[in-house]
């Protein structure tokens, strides 16, 4: 995908770490295939073992790349999505790798999660004693998606409150 708008650039910046991880995975399995080929000249058993590991790694990496590329397929109006993530009213928390736009929440951790607020019923806070709080988006069928967690004393309570109030106001409409 060629980057043509500020929104596309913003999405690319948000997902850069995941893209880099997938590219590194591809380099690893290609290197393993090369190693298997080199090993085949001297030790066939080792070549077979390394080849099997390379195939498994290639399959896992390819599935991860396809899943990542399909994230945007769920967005009905991509131009509106890109416009919203660069709008002046967007709430972006860089340390938490979280972005709250008018109709979308993007969470980046080991993977990228895009939640369409049109498909969410409410925002909830789950508490684990007085130690941990987790912010959830809940679908009408009851399925919950954790979007942000904080533990006592980690300094993220203010970020959790900001996201909660923004989403609470949006989903209360």
C-alpha atoms as a PDB file:
ATOM      1  CA  UNK A   1       0.000   0.000   0.000  1.00  0.00           C
ATOM      2  CA  UNK A   2       1.457   3.328  -1.054  1.00  0.00           C
ATOM      3  CA  UNK A   3       1.087   6.085   1.523  1.00  0.00           C
ATOM      4  CA  UNK A   4      -0.924   8.937   0.040  1.00  0.00           C
ATOM      5  CA  UNK A   5      -2.509  10.721   3.014  1.00  0.00           C
ATOM      6  CA  UNK A   6      -1.565  11.885   6.487  1.00  0.00           C
ATOM      7  CA  UNK A   7      -3.969   9.267   7.904  1.00  0.00           C
ATOM      8  CA  UNK A   8      -2.218   6.460   6.069  1.00  0.00           C
ATOM      9  CA  UNK A   9       1.124   7.748   7.354  1.00  0.00           C
ATOM     10  CA  UNK A  10      -0.260   7.892  10.915  1.00  0.00           C
ATOM     11  CA  UNK A  11      -1.467   4.280  10.650  1.00  0.00           C
ATOM     12  CA  UNK A  12       1.915   3.225   9.237  1.00  0.00           C
ATOM     13  CA  UNK A  13       3.668   4.985  12.146  1.00  0.00           C
ATOM     14  CA  UNK A  14       1.379   3.305  14.699  1.00  0.00           C
ATOM     15  CA  UNK A  15       1.954  -0.140  13.230  1.00  0.00           C
ATOM     16  CA  UNK A  16       5.654   0.229  12.350  1.00  0.00           C
ATOM     17  CA  UNK A  17       6.823  -1.980  15.218  1.00  0.00           C
ATOM     18  CA  UNK A  18       4.494  -4.828  14.214  1.00  0.00           C
ATOM     19  CA  UNK A  19       5.477  -4.496  10.542  1.00  0.00           C
ATOM     20  CA  UNK A  20       9.157  -4.606  11.503  1.00  0.00           C
ATOM     21  CA  UNK A  21       8.533  -7.717  13.602  1.00  0.00           C
ATOM     22  CA  UNK A  22       6.833  -9.478  10.695  1.00  0.00           C
ATOM     23  CA  UNK A  23       9.630  -8.487   8.317  1.00  0.00           C
ATOM     24  CA  UNK A  24      12.234  -9.778  10.761  1.00  0.00           C
ATOM     25  CA  UNK A  25      10.321 -13.063  10.984  1.00  0.00           C
ATOM     26  CA  UNK A  26      10.414 -13.368   7.211  1.00  0.00           C
ATOM     27  CA  UNK A  27      14.177 -12.775   7.178  1.00  0.00           C
ATOM     28  CA  UNK A  28      14.592 -15.488   9.819  1.00  0.00           C
ATOM     29  CA  UNK A  29      12.669 -18.186   7.963  1.00  0.00           C
ATOM     30  CA  UNK A  30      14.391 -17.373   4.664  1.00  0.00           C
ATOM     31  CA  UNK A  31      17.734 -17.611   6.472  1.00  0.00           C
ATOM     32  CA  UNK A  32      16.714 -20.960   7.943  1.00  0.00           C
ATOM     33  CA  UNK A  33      15.865 -22.260   4.469  1.00  0.00           C
ATOM     34  CA  UNK A  34      19.293 -21.141   3.259  1.00  0.00           C
ATOM     35  CA  UNK A  35      20.924 -22.839   6.233  1.00  0.00           C
ATOM     36  CA  UNK A  36      18.999 -26.040   5.479  1.00  0.00           C
ATOM     37  CA  UNK A  37      20.266 -25.926   1.894  1.00  0.00           C
ATOM     38  CA  UNK A  38      23.859 -25.462   3.072  1.00  0.00           C
ATOM     39  CA  UNK A  39      23.477 -28.251   5.631  1.00  0.00           C
ATOM     40  CA  UNK A  40      22.194 -30.609   2.935  1.00  0.00           C
ATOM     41  CA  UNK A  41      25.710 -30.775   1.483  1.00  0.00           C
ATOM     42  CA  UNK A  42      27.216 -32.210   4.663  1.00  0.00           C
ATOM     43  CA  UNK A  43      24.538 -33.472   7.074  1.00  0.00           C
ATOM     44  CA  UNK A  44      21.175 -34.502   5.663  1.00  0.00           C
ATOM     45  CA  UNK A  45      19.554 -35.105   9.056  1.00  0.00           C
ATOM     46  CA  UNK A  46      20.450 -31.614  10.251  1.00  0.00           C
ATOM     47  CA  UNK A  47      19.250 -30.176   6.923  1.00  0.00           C
ATOM     48  CA  UNK A  48      15.878 -31.913   7.342  1.00  0.00           C
ATOM     49  CA  UNK A  49      15.470 -30.666  10.920  1.00  0.00           C
ATOM     50  CA  UNK A  50      16.400 -27.071  10.020  1.00  0.00           C
ATOM     51  CA  UNK A  51      14.149 -27.293   6.947  1.00  0.00           C
ATOM     52  CA  UNK A  52      11.185 -28.398   9.055  1.00  0.00           C
ATOM     53  CA  UNK A  53      11.791 -25.562  11.510  1.00  0.00           C
ATOM     54  CA  UNK A  54      11.986 -23.132   8.575  1.00  0.00           C
ATOM     55  CA  UNK A  55       8.669 -24.402   7.156  1.00  0.00           C
ATOM     56  CA  UNK A  56       6.924 -24.084  10.519  1.00  0.00           C
ATOM     57  CA  UNK A  57       8.320 -20.587  11.033  1.00  0.00           C
ATOM     58  CA  UNK A  58       7.346 -19.596   7.478  1.00  0.00           C
ATOM     59  CA  UNK A  59       3.767 -20.794   7.979  1.00  0.00           C
ATOM     60  CA  UNK A  60       3.394 -18.970  11.303  1.00  0.00           C
ATOM     61  CA  UNK A  61       4.922 -15.780   9.889  1.00  0.00           C
ATOM     62  CA  UNK A  62       2.805 -15.883   6.730  1.00  0.00           C
ATOM     63  CA  UNK A  63      -0.377 -16.349   8.768  1.00  0.00           C
ATOM     64  CA  UNK A  64       0.655 -13.405  10.959  1.00  0.00           C
ATOM     65  CA  UNK A  65       1.265 -11.232   7.887  1.00  0.00           C
ATOM     66  CA  UNK A  66      -2.100 -12.165   6.377  1.00  0.00           C
ATOM     67  CA  UNK A  67      -3.879 -11.467   9.671  1.00  0.00           C
ATOM     68  CA  UNK A  68      -2.134  -8.100   9.957  1.00  0.00           C
ATOM     69  CA  UNK A  69      -3.009  -7.153   6.380  1.00  0.00           C
ATOM     70  CA  UNK A  70      -6.653  -8.114   6.956  1.00  0.00           C
ATOM     71  CA  UNK A  71      -7.044  -5.671   9.882  1.00  0.00           C
ATOM     72  CA  UNK A  72      -8.036  -2.861   7.528  1.00  0.00           C
ATOM     73  CA  UNK A  73     -10.412  -5.107   5.550  1.00  0.00           C
ATOM     74  CA  UNK A  74     -12.947  -4.798   8.381  1.00  0.00           C
ATOM     75  CA  UNK A  75     -13.058  -1.003   7.967  1.00  0.00           C
ATOM     76  CA  UNK A  76     -15.987  -0.064   5.738  1.00  0.00           C
ATOM     77  CA  UNK A  77     -14.855   3.467   4.821  1.00  0.00           C
ATOM     78  CA  UNK A  78     -11.067   3.563   4.865  1.00  0.00           C
ATOM     79  CA  UNK A  79     -10.872   7.221   3.823  1.00  0.00           C
ATOM     80  CA  UNK A  80     -13.030   8.203   6.812  1.00  0.00           C
ATOM     81  CA  UNK A  81     -10.915   5.968   9.078  1.00  0.00           C
ATOM     82  CA  UNK A  82      -7.704   7.664   7.936  1.00  0.00           C
ATOM     83  CA  UNK A  83      -9.292  11.105   8.276  1.00  0.00           C
ATOM     84  CA  UNK A  84     -10.400  10.364  11.837  1.00  0.00           C
ATOM     85  CA  UNK A  85      -7.024   9.145  13.091  1.00  0.00           C
ATOM     86  CA  UNK A  86      -5.414  12.474  12.192  1.00  0.00           C
ATOM     87  CA  UNK A  87      -8.335  14.668  13.285  1.00  0.00           C
ATOM     88  CA  UNK A  88      -7.524  17.345  15.899  1.00  0.00           C
ATOM     89  CA  UNK A  89      -9.883  15.780  18.454  1.00  0.00           C
ATOM     90  CA  UNK A  90      -8.160  12.378  18.461  1.00  0.00           C
ATOM     91  CA  UNK A  91      -6.830  11.150  21.819  1.00  0.00           C
ATOM     92  CA  UNK A  92      -3.413   9.567  21.348  1.00  0.00           C
ATOM     93  CA  UNK A  93      -1.492   8.052  24.232  1.00  0.00           C
ATOM     94  CA  UNK A  94       1.937   7.177  22.838  1.00  0.00           C
ATOM     95  CA  UNK A  95       3.234   5.426  25.957  1.00  0.00           C
ATOM     96  CA  UNK A  96       0.182   3.158  26.017  1.00  0.00           C
ATOM     97  CA  UNK A  97       0.221   2.721  22.226  1.00  0.00           C
ATOM     98  CA  UNK A  98      -3.466   3.653  22.110  1.00  0.00           C
ATOM     99  CA  UNK A  99      -5.420   5.981  19.860  1.00  0.00           C
ATOM    100  CA  UNK A 100      -9.061   6.952  20.342  1.00  0.00           C
ATOM    101  CA  UNK A 101     -10.729   8.539  17.322  1.00  0.00           C
ATOM    102  CA  UNK A 102     -14.382   9.468  16.867  1.00  0.00           C
ATOM    103  CA  UNK A 103     -15.497   5.997  15.708  1.00  0.00           C
ATOM    104  CA  UNK A 104     -12.402   3.827  16.275  1.00  0.00           C
ATOM    105  CA  UNK A 105     -10.014   2.694  18.958  1.00  0.00           C
ATOM    106  CA  UNK A 106      -6.603   1.418  17.877  1.00  0.00           C
ATOM    107  CA  UNK A 107      -4.527  -0.580  20.343  1.00  0.00           C
ATOM    108  CA  UNK A 108      -0.988  -1.659  19.480  1.00  0.00           C
ATOM    109  CA  UNK A 109       0.763  -4.284  21.592  1.00  0.00           C
ATOM    110  CA  UNK A 110       2.162  -7.551  20.237  1.00  0.00           C
ATOM    111  CA  UNK A 111      -0.504  -7.163  17.543  1.00  0.00           C
ATOM    112  CA  UNK A 112      -2.683  -4.351  16.211  1.00  0.00           C
ATOM    113  CA  UNK A 113      -6.336  -4.178  17.241  1.00  0.00           C
ATOM    114  CA  UNK A 114      -8.852  -1.866  15.578  1.00  0.00           C
ATOM    115  CA  UNK A 115     -12.211  -1.563  17.334  1.00  0.00           C
ATOM    116  CA  UNK A 116     -15.139   0.048  15.547  1.00  0.00           C
ATOM    117  CA  UNK A 117     -17.168   1.857  18.197  1.00  0.00           C
ATOM    118  CA  UNK A 118     -20.327   1.340  16.132  1.00  0.00           C
ATOM    119  CA  UNK A 119     -20.036  -2.345  17.085  1.00  0.00           C
ATOM    120  CA  UNK A 120     -19.486  -1.713  20.798  1.00  0.00           C
ATOM    121  CA  UNK A 121     -22.188  -1.391  23.397  1.00  0.00           C
ATOM    122  CA  UNK A 122     -20.337   0.037  26.391  1.00  0.00           C
ATOM    123  CA  UNK A 123     -17.043   0.720  28.097  1.00  0.00           C
ATOM    124  CA  UNK A 124     -16.353  -0.988  31.431  1.00  0.00           C
ATOM    125  CA  UNK A 125     -13.683  -0.898  34.102  1.00  0.00           C
ATOM    126  CA  UNK A 126     -12.716  -4.225  35.621  1.00  0.00           C
ATOM    127  CA  UNK A 127     -11.042  -4.117  39.019  1.00  0.00           C
ATOM    128  CA  UNK A 128      -8.763  -6.695  40.570  1.00  0.00           C
ATOM    129  CA  UNK A 129      -8.909  -5.699  44.199  1.00  0.00           C
ATOM    130  CA  UNK A 130      -7.208  -2.375  44.848  1.00  0.00           C
ATOM    131  CA  UNK A 131      -4.237  -3.347  42.706  1.00  0.00           C
ATOM    132  CA  UNK A 132      -5.225  -3.426  39.039  1.00  0.00           C
ATOM    133  CA  UNK A 133      -7.796  -1.795  36.738  1.00  0.00           C
ATOM    134  CA  UNK A 134      -8.503  -2.812  33.150  1.00  0.00           C
ATOM    135  CA  UNK A 135     -10.560  -0.865  30.646  1.00  0.00           C
ATOM    136  CA  UNK A 136     -12.788  -2.989  28.405  1.00  0.00           C
ATOM    137  CA  UNK A 137     -14.855  -2.323  25.310  1.00  0.00           C
ATOM    138  CA  UNK A 138     -17.887  -4.599  25.341  1.00  0.00           C
ATOM    139  CA  UNK A 139     -19.821  -5.809  22.309  1.00  0.00           C
ATOM    140  CA  UNK A 140     -23.617  -6.255  22.414  1.00  0.00           C
ATOM    141  CA  UNK A 141     -23.121 -10.050  22.704  1.00  0.00           C
ATOM    142  CA  UNK A 142     -21.054  -9.563  25.875  1.00  0.00           C
ATOM    143  CA  UNK A 143     -17.606 -10.175  24.379  1.00  0.00           C
ATOM    144  CA  UNK A 144     -15.075  -7.929  26.121  1.00  0.00           C
ATOM    145  CA  UNK A 145     -11.873  -6.477  24.689  1.00  0.00           C
ATOM    146  CA  UNK A 146      -9.185  -5.217  27.083  1.00  0.00           C
ATOM    147  CA  UNK A 147      -7.759  -1.976  25.729  1.00  0.00           C
ATOM    148  CA  UNK A 148      -5.770  -0.558  28.655  1.00  0.00           C
ATOM    149  CA  UNK A 149      -4.582  -1.748  32.063  1.00  0.00           C
ATOM    150  CA  UNK A 150      -3.047   0.011  35.012  1.00  0.00           C
ATOM    151  CA  UNK A 151      -1.706  -1.147  38.339  1.00  0.00           C
ATOM    152  CA  UNK A 152      -1.526   0.865  41.506  1.00  0.00           C
ATOM    153  CA  UNK A 153       1.384   3.282  41.414  1.00  0.00           C
ATOM    154  CA  UNK A 154       2.368   2.809  37.752  1.00  0.00           C
ATOM    155  CA  UNK A 155       1.330   6.351  36.788  1.00  0.00           C
ATOM    156  CA  UNK A 156      -1.127   5.254  34.112  1.00  0.00           C
ATOM    157  CA  UNK A 157      -4.318   5.994  36.051  1.00  0.00           C
ATOM    158  CA  UNK A 158      -4.724   9.405  34.429  1.00  0.00           C
ATOM    159  CA  UNK A 159      -4.448   7.861  30.958  1.00  0.00           C
ATOM    160  CA  UNK A 160      -7.046   5.238  31.872  1.00  0.00           C
ATOM    161  CA  UNK A 161      -9.385   7.977  33.133  1.00  0.00           C
ATOM    162  CA  UNK A 162      -8.940  10.024  29.946  1.00  0.00           C
ATOM    163  CA  UNK A 163      -9.761   7.055  27.729  1.00  0.00           C
ATOM    164  CA  UNK A 164     -12.668   5.975  29.937  1.00  0.00           C
ATOM    165  CA  UNK A 165     -14.368   9.383  29.891  1.00  0.00           C
ATOM    166  CA  UNK A 166     -13.811   9.843  26.145  1.00  0.00           C
ATOM    167  CA  UNK A 167     -15.307   6.418  25.393  1.00  0.00           C
ATOM    168  CA  UNK A 168     -18.055   6.724  27.975  1.00  0.00           C
ATOM    169  CA  UNK A 169     -19.212   9.990  26.409  1.00  0.00           C
ATOM    170  CA  UNK A 170     -19.013   8.491  22.903  1.00  0.00           C
ATOM    171  CA  UNK A 171     -20.861   5.246  23.716  1.00  0.00           C
ATOM    172  CA  UNK A 172     -23.497   6.938  25.877  1.00  0.00           C
ATOM    173  CA  UNK A 173     -24.882   8.657  22.776  1.00  0.00           C
END
